[in-house]
N, C-alpha and C. Protein backbone atom coordinates (compact mmCIF):
# COMPACT_ATOMS: atom_id res chain seq x y z
N MET A 1 99.90 110.64 93.19
CA MET A 1 101.20 110.34 92.75
C MET A 1 102.14 111.22 93.52
N TYR A 2 103.16 110.70 94.22
CA TYR A 2 104.11 111.38 94.85
C TYR A 2 105.29 111.51 93.96
N VAL A 3 106.07 112.53 93.90
CA VAL A 3 107.25 112.71 93.24
C VAL A 3 108.32 113.38 94.22
N TYR A 4 109.44 112.90 94.34
CA TYR A 4 110.45 113.35 95.13
C TYR A 4 111.76 113.64 94.10
N LEU A 5 112.09 114.94 94.01
CA LEU A 5 113.28 115.27 93.30
C LEU A 5 114.57 115.53 94.27
N ARG A 6 115.54 115.06 94.10
CA ARG A 6 116.78 115.18 94.85
C ARG A 6 117.33 116.46 94.38
N SER A 7 117.67 117.41 95.37
CA SER A 7 118.21 118.65 95.09
C SER A 7 119.69 118.69 94.52
N GLU A 8 120.59 117.74 94.89
CA GLU A 8 121.82 117.67 94.42
C GLU A 8 121.99 116.79 93.10
N THR A 9 122.82 117.11 92.30
CA THR A 9 122.94 116.19 91.12
C THR A 9 123.88 115.12 91.40
N VAL A 10 123.96 114.13 90.56
CA VAL A 10 124.83 112.97 90.78
C VAL A 10 125.47 112.65 89.40
N GLU A 11 126.52 111.92 89.42
CA GLU A 11 127.23 111.40 88.24
C GLU A 11 126.65 109.98 88.12
N LEU A 12 125.93 109.67 86.98
CA LEU A 12 125.34 108.42 86.79
C LEU A 12 126.03 107.62 85.73
N GLU A 13 126.42 106.41 86.13
CA GLU A 13 127.16 105.66 84.92
C GLU A 13 126.30 104.46 84.82
N MET A 14 126.08 104.03 83.47
CA MET A 14 125.15 102.99 83.13
C MET A 14 126.08 101.77 82.54
N ARG A 15 125.94 100.60 83.08
CA ARG A 15 126.69 99.56 82.43
C ARG A 15 125.79 98.32 82.21
N GLU A 16 126.08 97.72 80.95
CA GLU A 16 125.38 96.50 80.54
C GLU A 16 125.72 95.46 81.40
N ILE A 17 124.70 94.58 82.00
CA ILE A 17 125.12 93.43 82.79
C ILE A 17 124.50 92.10 82.21
N GLY A 18 125.01 91.02 82.65
CA GLY A 18 124.61 89.78 82.17
C GLY A 18 123.01 89.67 82.36
N GLY A 19 122.41 89.10 81.41
CA GLY A 19 120.94 88.94 81.41
C GLY A 19 120.41 87.53 81.50
N GLU A 20 121.39 86.63 81.92
CA GLU A 20 120.86 85.20 82.00
C GLU A 20 119.86 85.05 83.04
N GLY A 21 118.78 84.44 82.65
CA GLY A 21 117.61 84.18 83.50
C GLY A 21 116.65 85.49 83.53
N LEU A 22 117.10 86.59 83.03
CA LEU A 22 116.33 87.76 83.14
C LEU A 22 115.51 87.99 81.95
N VAL A 23 116.01 87.88 80.78
CA VAL A 23 115.28 88.06 79.55
C VAL A 23 115.50 86.95 78.67
N SER A 24 114.59 86.63 77.77
CA SER A 24 114.69 85.65 76.74
C SER A 24 115.58 86.00 75.68
N GLU A 25 116.17 85.07 75.04
CA GLU A 25 117.22 85.31 73.92
C GLU A 25 116.68 86.31 72.78
N ASP A 26 115.37 86.21 72.57
CA ASP A 26 114.77 86.99 71.46
C ASP A 26 114.35 88.36 71.93
N SER A 27 114.61 88.61 73.16
CA SER A 27 114.06 89.96 73.81
C SER A 27 115.04 91.02 73.24
N ASP A 28 114.38 92.34 72.98
CA ASP A 28 115.29 93.45 72.78
C ASP A 28 115.63 94.10 73.91
N LEU A 29 115.19 93.77 75.06
CA LEU A 29 115.52 94.51 76.28
C LEU A 29 117.00 94.16 76.62
N VAL A 30 117.52 95.17 77.21
CA VAL A 30 119.06 95.00 77.68
C VAL A 30 119.06 95.27 79.22
N PRO A 31 119.63 94.36 79.94
CA PRO A 31 119.85 94.45 81.36
C PRO A 31 121.03 95.37 81.55
N VAL A 32 120.74 96.37 82.49
CA VAL A 32 121.71 97.36 82.78
C VAL A 32 121.64 97.72 84.40
N ALA A 33 122.85 98.12 84.69
CA ALA A 33 122.94 98.57 86.17
C ALA A 33 123.47 100.02 86.19
N PHE A 34 123.01 100.79 87.20
CA PHE A 34 123.40 102.16 87.23
C PHE A 34 124.12 102.44 88.54
N PHE A 35 125.31 103.02 88.25
CA PHE A 35 126.21 103.32 89.48
C PHE A 35 126.30 104.86 89.65
N VAL A 36 126.19 105.19 90.83
CA VAL A 36 126.15 106.63 91.21
C VAL A 36 127.53 107.17 91.85
N ASN A 37 128.01 108.24 91.40
CA ASN A 37 129.25 108.94 91.86
C ASN A 37 130.52 108.00 92.11
N GLY A 38 130.52 107.08 91.17
CA GLY A 38 131.89 106.24 91.20
C GLY A 38 131.52 105.04 92.27
N ASN A 39 130.45 104.85 92.87
CA ASN A 39 130.25 103.70 93.69
C ASN A 39 130.24 102.41 92.91
N GLU A 40 130.95 101.30 93.34
CA GLU A 40 131.09 100.15 92.67
C GLU A 40 129.84 99.16 92.94
N THR A 41 128.95 99.58 93.84
CA THR A 41 127.84 98.86 94.11
C THR A 41 126.63 99.46 93.24
N PRO A 42 125.95 98.73 92.53
CA PRO A 42 124.78 99.21 91.70
C PRO A 42 123.81 99.95 92.52
N SER A 43 123.29 101.20 92.16
CA SER A 43 122.06 101.78 92.94
C SER A 43 120.87 101.23 92.29
N PHE A 44 120.78 100.93 91.01
CA PHE A 44 119.61 100.56 90.26
C PHE A 44 119.87 99.59 89.35
N ARG A 45 118.80 98.78 89.01
CA ARG A 45 119.05 97.80 87.89
C ARG A 45 117.75 97.86 87.02
N ALA A 46 117.79 97.68 85.71
CA ALA A 46 116.57 97.73 84.87
C ALA A 46 116.76 96.97 83.62
N LEU A 47 115.65 96.59 83.01
CA LEU A 47 115.60 96.04 81.80
C LEU A 47 115.20 97.14 80.76
N LEU A 48 115.90 97.60 79.75
CA LEU A 48 115.42 98.70 79.04
C LEU A 48 115.54 98.47 77.48
N PRO A 49 114.70 99.13 76.78
CA PRO A 49 114.73 99.00 75.32
C PRO A 49 115.98 99.91 74.73
N PRO A 50 116.50 99.59 73.53
CA PRO A 50 117.62 100.24 73.02
C PRO A 50 117.46 101.76 72.96
N ASP A 51 116.27 102.12 72.57
CA ASP A 51 116.09 103.65 72.42
C ASP A 51 116.14 104.46 73.75
N THR A 52 115.74 103.77 74.83
CA THR A 52 115.83 104.34 76.17
C THR A 52 117.30 104.41 76.38
N LEU A 53 118.04 103.41 76.15
CA LEU A 53 119.54 103.35 76.48
C LEU A 53 120.22 104.45 75.81
N GLY A 54 119.88 104.75 74.45
CA GLY A 54 120.46 105.79 73.82
C GLY A 54 120.12 107.20 74.36
N VAL A 55 118.84 107.41 74.83
CA VAL A 55 118.66 108.72 75.58
C VAL A 55 119.46 108.85 76.74
N LEU A 56 119.46 107.77 77.72
CA LEU A 56 120.14 107.75 78.88
C LEU A 56 121.60 108.04 78.65
N SER A 57 122.19 107.41 77.61
CA SER A 57 123.61 107.53 77.38
C SER A 57 123.97 109.01 77.20
N GLU A 58 123.16 109.67 76.33
CA GLU A 58 123.37 111.13 76.06
C GLU A 58 123.15 111.94 77.32
N VAL A 59 122.04 111.69 78.06
CA VAL A 59 121.76 112.56 79.18
C VAL A 59 122.83 112.47 80.30
N THR A 60 123.32 111.24 80.44
CA THR A 60 124.32 110.91 81.73
C THR A 60 125.57 111.36 81.41
N LEU A 61 125.96 112.00 80.28
CA LEU A 61 127.27 112.47 80.01
C LEU A 61 127.62 113.75 81.11
N GLU A 62 126.57 114.25 81.45
CA GLU A 62 126.64 115.43 82.46
C GLU A 62 126.06 114.95 83.87
N PRO A 63 126.30 115.56 85.04
CA PRO A 63 125.60 115.16 86.22
C PRO A 63 124.10 115.36 86.00
N VAL A 64 123.38 114.62 86.67
CA VAL A 64 121.94 114.58 86.47
C VAL A 64 121.14 114.67 87.84
N THR A 65 119.95 115.22 87.66
CA THR A 65 118.94 115.40 88.82
C THR A 65 118.04 114.07 88.87
N LEU A 66 118.14 113.28 89.90
CA LEU A 66 117.41 112.12 90.00
C LEU A 66 116.13 112.37 90.86
N GLY A 67 115.13 111.63 90.65
CA GLY A 67 113.77 111.68 91.40
C GLY A 67 113.34 110.35 91.44
N VAL A 68 112.30 110.21 92.30
CA VAL A 68 111.64 108.94 92.45
C VAL A 68 109.94 109.19 92.41
N LEU A 69 109.27 108.39 91.85
CA LEU A 69 107.77 108.60 91.94
C LEU A 69 107.06 107.37 92.29
N ALA A 70 105.95 107.56 93.07
CA ALA A 70 105.30 106.32 93.49
C ALA A 70 103.84 106.65 93.95
N GLU A 71 102.99 105.76 93.98
CA GLU A 71 101.62 105.90 94.57
C GLU A 71 101.75 105.36 95.91
N GLU A 72 101.26 106.04 96.91
CA GLU A 72 101.12 105.71 98.26
C GLU A 72 100.21 104.43 98.40
N PRO A 73 100.73 103.27 98.92
CA PRO A 73 99.86 102.26 99.16
C PRO A 73 98.70 102.57 100.33
N GLU A 74 97.37 102.08 100.21
CA GLU A 74 96.53 102.34 101.08
C GLU A 74 96.88 101.74 102.48
N ASP A 75 97.52 100.49 102.50
CA ASP A 75 97.89 99.85 103.77
C ASP A 75 99.41 100.21 103.96
N PRO A 76 99.62 101.04 105.26
CA PRO A 76 101.00 101.35 105.58
C PRO A 76 101.97 100.12 105.64
N ALA A 77 101.37 98.93 105.75
CA ALA A 77 102.45 97.81 105.82
C ALA A 77 102.72 97.23 104.50
N ALA A 78 102.16 97.79 103.42
CA ALA A 78 102.27 97.31 102.09
C ALA A 78 103.67 97.68 101.45
N GLU A 79 104.15 96.88 100.56
CA GLU A 79 105.32 97.23 99.82
C GLU A 79 105.19 98.68 99.11
N VAL A 80 106.22 99.24 98.92
CA VAL A 80 106.32 100.61 98.22
C VAL A 80 106.89 100.25 96.80
N HIS A 81 106.19 100.44 95.81
CA HIS A 81 106.68 100.24 94.40
C HIS A 81 106.89 101.66 93.80
N ALA A 82 108.09 102.06 93.41
CA ALA A 82 108.47 103.33 92.94
C ALA A 82 109.37 103.08 91.76
N MET A 83 109.35 104.23 90.93
CA MET A 83 110.34 104.20 89.76
C MET A 83 111.32 105.44 89.95
N VAL A 84 112.58 105.13 89.63
CA VAL A 84 113.60 106.09 89.71
C VAL A 84 113.54 106.81 88.28
N GLY A 85 113.77 108.07 88.38
CA GLY A 85 113.96 108.81 86.98
C GLY A 85 114.87 109.85 87.03
N LEU A 86 115.15 110.48 85.85
CA LEU A 86 115.98 111.69 85.88
C LEU A 86 115.31 112.76 85.15
N THR A 87 115.65 113.88 85.39
CA THR A 87 114.98 115.12 84.71
C THR A 87 115.70 115.26 83.40
N VAL A 88 114.78 115.45 82.43
CA VAL A 88 115.33 115.79 81.03
C VAL A 88 114.55 117.04 80.67
N PRO A 89 115.34 118.01 79.97
CA PRO A 89 114.60 119.03 79.48
C PRO A 89 113.69 118.81 78.33
N VAL A 90 112.50 119.59 78.48
CA VAL A 90 111.34 119.48 77.51
C VAL A 90 111.16 120.75 76.81
N GLY A 91 111.03 120.58 75.45
CA GLY A 91 110.81 121.85 74.62
C GLY A 91 112.02 122.59 74.44
N ASP A 92 111.80 123.66 73.84
CA ASP A 92 112.96 124.54 73.52
C ASP A 92 112.35 125.97 73.84
N ARG A 93 113.06 126.75 74.81
CA ARG A 93 112.74 128.05 75.24
C ARG A 93 112.77 129.02 74.08
N ASP A 94 113.66 128.77 73.02
CA ASP A 94 113.75 129.72 71.97
C ASP A 94 112.60 129.48 70.91
N GLU A 95 111.75 128.44 71.11
CA GLU A 95 110.79 128.36 70.16
C GLU A 95 109.64 129.39 70.26
N ALA A 96 109.15 129.87 69.11
CA ALA A 96 108.15 130.90 69.36
C ALA A 96 106.73 130.24 69.67
N PRO A 97 106.06 130.75 70.61
CA PRO A 97 104.80 130.15 71.00
C PRO A 97 103.79 130.05 69.83
N ALA A 98 103.12 128.98 69.75
CA ALA A 98 102.11 128.69 68.74
C ALA A 98 101.04 129.74 68.84
N ALA A 99 100.62 130.17 67.70
CA ALA A 99 99.60 131.20 67.52
C ALA A 99 98.27 130.71 68.27
N GLU A 100 97.66 131.52 69.01
CA GLU A 100 96.30 131.03 69.69
C GLU A 100 95.31 130.81 68.69
N PRO A 101 94.64 129.75 68.52
CA PRO A 101 93.67 129.42 67.52
C PRO A 101 92.49 130.40 67.85
N GLU A 102 91.83 130.86 66.85
CA GLU A 102 90.59 131.65 67.11
C GLU A 102 89.61 130.85 67.69
N MET A 103 88.99 131.33 68.85
CA MET A 103 87.86 130.65 69.50
C MET A 103 86.56 130.77 68.73
N GLU A 104 85.86 129.60 68.79
CA GLU A 104 84.60 129.62 68.24
C GLU A 104 83.67 130.49 69.03
N PRO A 105 82.69 131.19 68.55
CA PRO A 105 81.76 131.94 69.48
C PRO A 105 81.24 131.26 70.75
N TRP A 106 80.81 130.13 70.43
CA TRP A 106 80.15 129.41 71.71
C TRP A 106 81.25 129.11 72.80
N ARG A 107 82.50 129.06 72.43
CA ARG A 107 83.61 128.77 73.52
C ARG A 107 84.03 129.93 74.12
N VAL A 108 83.86 131.20 73.65
CA VAL A 108 84.22 132.39 74.29
C VAL A 108 83.51 132.51 75.63
N SER A 109 82.15 132.16 75.57
CA SER A 109 81.45 132.30 76.90
C SER A 109 81.64 131.13 77.89
N ALA A 110 82.41 130.06 77.37
CA ALA A 110 82.58 128.93 78.31
C ALA A 110 83.80 129.21 79.20
N GLY A 111 84.62 130.17 78.92
CA GLY A 111 85.74 130.60 79.73
C GLY A 111 87.06 129.61 79.32
N ASP A 112 88.07 129.72 80.23
CA ASP A 112 89.24 129.14 79.88
C ASP A 112 89.17 127.64 80.11
N PRO A 113 89.25 126.69 79.28
CA PRO A 113 89.27 125.25 79.54
C PRO A 113 90.42 124.78 80.42
N GLU A 114 91.53 125.50 80.28
CA GLU A 114 92.75 125.23 81.27
C GLU A 114 92.67 125.76 82.60
N ALA A 115 91.63 126.37 82.94
CA ALA A 115 91.57 126.98 84.23
C ALA A 115 91.81 126.15 85.39
N TRP A 116 91.37 124.83 85.24
CA TRP A 116 91.52 123.89 86.38
C TRP A 116 92.94 123.69 86.71
N ARG A 117 93.78 124.03 85.88
CA ARG A 117 95.26 123.70 86.09
C ARG A 117 95.84 124.83 87.25
N GLY A 118 95.09 125.66 87.37
CA GLY A 118 95.70 126.84 88.33
C GLY A 118 96.34 127.82 87.62
N ASP A 119 96.87 128.78 88.40
CA ASP A 119 97.68 129.91 87.77
C ASP A 119 98.80 129.25 87.01
N ARG A 120 98.90 129.81 85.81
CA ARG A 120 100.09 129.46 84.95
C ARG A 120 101.24 130.59 85.22
N HIS A 121 102.35 130.07 85.20
CA HIS A 121 103.57 131.02 85.56
C HIS A 121 104.54 130.78 84.19
N ASP A 122 104.65 131.77 83.46
CA ASP A 122 105.45 131.79 82.27
C ASP A 122 106.96 132.28 82.65
N ASP A 123 107.46 131.80 83.74
CA ASP A 123 108.69 132.32 84.10
C ASP A 123 109.82 131.81 83.21
N GLU A 124 110.50 132.76 82.64
CA GLU A 124 111.47 132.26 81.59
C GLU A 124 112.77 131.67 82.30
N ASP A 125 112.96 132.02 83.53
CA ASP A 125 114.19 131.32 84.20
C ASP A 125 113.95 129.86 84.70
N VAL A 126 112.79 129.42 84.65
CA VAL A 126 112.49 128.02 85.15
C VAL A 126 112.42 127.09 83.87
N PRO A 127 113.45 126.13 83.76
CA PRO A 127 113.46 125.30 82.71
C PRO A 127 112.35 124.26 82.68
N ARG A 128 111.77 123.98 81.63
CA ARG A 128 110.75 122.88 81.73
C ARG A 128 111.38 121.52 81.59
N THR A 129 110.99 120.70 82.48
CA THR A 129 111.67 119.32 82.51
C THR A 129 110.51 118.27 82.69
N ALA A 130 110.97 117.00 82.36
CA ALA A 130 110.14 115.88 82.65
C ALA A 130 110.90 114.81 83.31
N LEU A 131 110.33 114.07 84.17
CA LEU A 131 111.02 112.92 84.80
C LEU A 131 110.96 111.56 83.86
N LEU A 132 112.12 111.26 83.47
CA LEU A 132 112.12 109.97 82.46
C LEU A 132 112.38 108.84 83.62
N ALA A 133 111.27 107.98 83.83
CA ALA A 133 111.46 106.92 84.66
C ALA A 133 112.05 105.78 83.96
N PHE A 134 113.14 105.20 84.65
CA PHE A 134 113.84 104.07 83.95
C PHE A 134 114.21 102.95 84.90
N ALA A 135 114.02 102.93 86.12
CA ALA A 135 114.34 101.76 86.99
C ALA A 135 113.44 101.70 88.20
N PRO A 136 112.94 100.46 88.40
CA PRO A 136 112.03 100.21 89.42
C PRO A 136 112.80 100.01 90.88
N LEU A 137 112.15 100.60 91.86
CA LEU A 137 112.67 100.27 93.34
C LEU A 137 111.52 99.83 94.08
N VAL A 138 111.83 98.94 94.95
CA VAL A 138 110.80 98.25 95.81
C VAL A 138 111.26 98.40 97.25
N ARG A 139 110.40 98.87 98.10
CA ARG A 139 110.69 98.72 99.63
C ARG A 139 109.75 97.72 100.17
N LEU A 140 110.29 96.66 100.60
CA LEU A 140 109.45 95.57 101.22
C LEU A 140 108.66 96.08 102.47
N GLU A 141 109.45 96.62 103.34
CA GLU A 141 108.87 97.16 104.55
C GLU A 141 109.12 98.58 104.82
N ARG A 142 108.14 99.42 105.00
CA ARG A 142 108.21 100.83 105.13
C ARG A 142 109.07 101.03 106.53
N LYS A 143 109.85 102.13 106.32
CA LYS A 143 110.60 102.64 107.59
C LYS A 143 109.81 103.83 108.10
N LEU A 144 109.20 104.60 107.32
CA LEU A 144 108.52 105.72 107.69
C LEU A 144 106.89 105.73 107.30
N PRO A 145 106.16 104.89 108.10
CA PRO A 145 104.79 104.75 107.40
C PRO A 145 103.83 105.87 107.69
N ASP A 146 104.38 107.03 108.48
CA ASP A 146 103.68 108.08 108.63
C ASP A 146 103.88 109.33 107.70
N ASP A 147 105.01 109.12 106.89
CA ASP A 147 105.39 110.23 106.11
C ASP A 147 105.92 109.69 104.73
N PHE A 148 104.94 109.59 103.82
CA PHE A 148 105.33 108.87 102.42
C PHE A 148 106.36 109.74 101.80
N ALA A 149 106.25 111.05 101.78
CA ALA A 149 107.34 111.87 101.11
C ALA A 149 108.67 111.46 101.64
N ALA A 150 108.80 111.55 102.97
CA ALA A 150 110.13 111.15 103.66
C ALA A 150 110.51 109.69 103.24
N GLU A 151 109.51 108.82 103.16
CA GLU A 151 109.83 107.41 102.82
C GLU A 151 110.55 107.39 101.44
N LEU A 152 110.00 108.07 100.45
CA LEU A 152 110.48 108.27 99.14
C LEU A 152 111.95 108.84 99.06
N ALA A 153 112.08 109.84 99.78
CA ALA A 153 113.42 110.42 99.85
C ALA A 153 114.44 109.50 100.56
N ASP A 154 114.06 108.71 101.52
CA ASP A 154 114.99 107.78 102.06
C ASP A 154 115.17 106.53 101.22
N LEU A 155 114.12 106.04 100.48
CA LEU A 155 114.42 105.00 99.47
C LEU A 155 115.32 105.41 98.50
N LEU A 156 115.15 106.58 97.97
CA LEU A 156 116.16 107.02 96.98
C LEU A 156 117.58 107.12 97.46
N GLU A 157 117.71 107.78 98.62
CA GLU A 157 119.03 107.95 99.27
C GLU A 157 119.74 106.63 99.60
N SER A 158 118.94 105.52 99.95
CA SER A 158 119.40 104.18 100.21
C SER A 158 119.88 103.62 98.98
N ALA A 159 119.19 103.86 97.85
CA ALA A 159 119.62 103.31 96.59
C ALA A 159 120.88 104.07 96.13
N LEU A 160 121.00 105.23 96.34
CA LEU A 160 122.18 105.96 95.84
C LEU A 160 123.38 105.61 96.59
N ALA A 161 123.14 105.10 97.90
CA ALA A 161 124.38 104.57 98.64
C ALA A 161 124.78 103.21 98.37
N GLY A 162 123.84 102.58 97.50
CA GLY A 162 124.24 101.11 97.16
C GLY A 162 123.68 100.23 98.16
N SER A 163 122.87 100.57 98.99
CA SER A 163 122.36 99.70 100.04
C SER A 163 120.96 99.03 99.90
N THR A 164 120.66 98.98 98.60
CA THR A 164 119.43 98.17 98.18
C THR A 164 119.82 96.98 97.45
N ARG A 165 118.90 95.94 97.43
CA ARG A 165 118.99 94.82 96.63
C ARG A 165 118.05 94.55 95.60
N PRO A 166 118.27 93.76 94.64
CA PRO A 166 117.17 93.53 93.60
C PRO A 166 115.84 93.00 94.40
N ALA A 167 114.70 93.37 93.97
CA ALA A 167 113.45 93.04 94.60
C ALA A 167 113.34 91.44 94.81
N LEU A 168 113.67 90.65 93.79
CA LEU A 168 113.58 89.26 93.83
C LEU A 168 114.44 88.66 95.06
N GLU A 169 115.68 89.14 95.03
CA GLU A 169 116.56 88.82 95.98
C GLU A 169 116.11 89.09 97.46
N ALA A 170 115.64 90.29 97.56
CA ALA A 170 115.07 90.70 98.97
C ALA A 170 113.76 89.89 99.33
N ARG A 171 113.02 89.56 98.33
CA ARG A 171 111.77 88.78 98.67
C ARG A 171 112.22 87.38 99.09
N VAL A 172 113.20 86.66 98.38
CA VAL A 172 113.73 85.46 98.77
C VAL A 172 114.28 85.34 100.15
N ASP A 173 115.09 86.51 100.46
CA ASP A 173 115.67 86.57 101.78
C ASP A 173 114.56 86.74 102.80
N ARG A 174 113.52 87.53 102.64
CA ARG A 174 112.41 87.72 103.41
C ARG A 174 111.75 86.37 103.78
N MET A 175 111.42 85.67 102.73
CA MET A 175 110.73 84.48 102.64
C MET A 175 111.72 83.49 103.63
N LEU A 176 113.00 83.53 103.40
CA LEU A 176 113.86 82.45 104.22
C LEU A 176 114.09 83.01 105.60
N GLY A 177 113.60 84.23 105.89
CA GLY A 177 113.92 84.77 107.23
C GLY A 177 115.30 85.39 107.34
N ASP A 178 115.93 85.76 106.24
CA ASP A 178 117.31 86.29 106.40
C ASP A 178 117.29 87.79 106.38
N LEU A 179 116.28 88.53 106.66
CA LEU A 179 116.27 90.09 106.66
C LEU A 179 117.21 90.59 107.83
């Protein structure tokens, strides 16, 4: 899994859009579009449950750090399916750490079961965050088949500039030869 986090924050505005043909009338999913830094062309579109909308509404009151995550396809000519997300704080730095449970005698000789994770750094200055994925992005044809990390960065920057189209629209255009 590749994850690209953009170093500069953006102002992200979320607007509900018409869902005709996208969701059934009995669905709880809400069609939304996301606009970056005042751009009037949407950067991302998604169908989201109300709980996720609530979280995103709170988080987007301030500028956010965006990222994109994806698995690299085995075939360099294959479509890239990615998810856009934003970083959200996880946990509370002021919480006291949980007391270490007493180890059973047989576990003492087994060593640290978390050793496979590598060295842990408990740096107090580094906030703990998670990437809350909320919107799909698809690139039908790769621009940078030899560098997947650069491909993801380019995909996100293209979306932020408003130069991406919904996947279905892009596929129809490709099928009709209008690329």
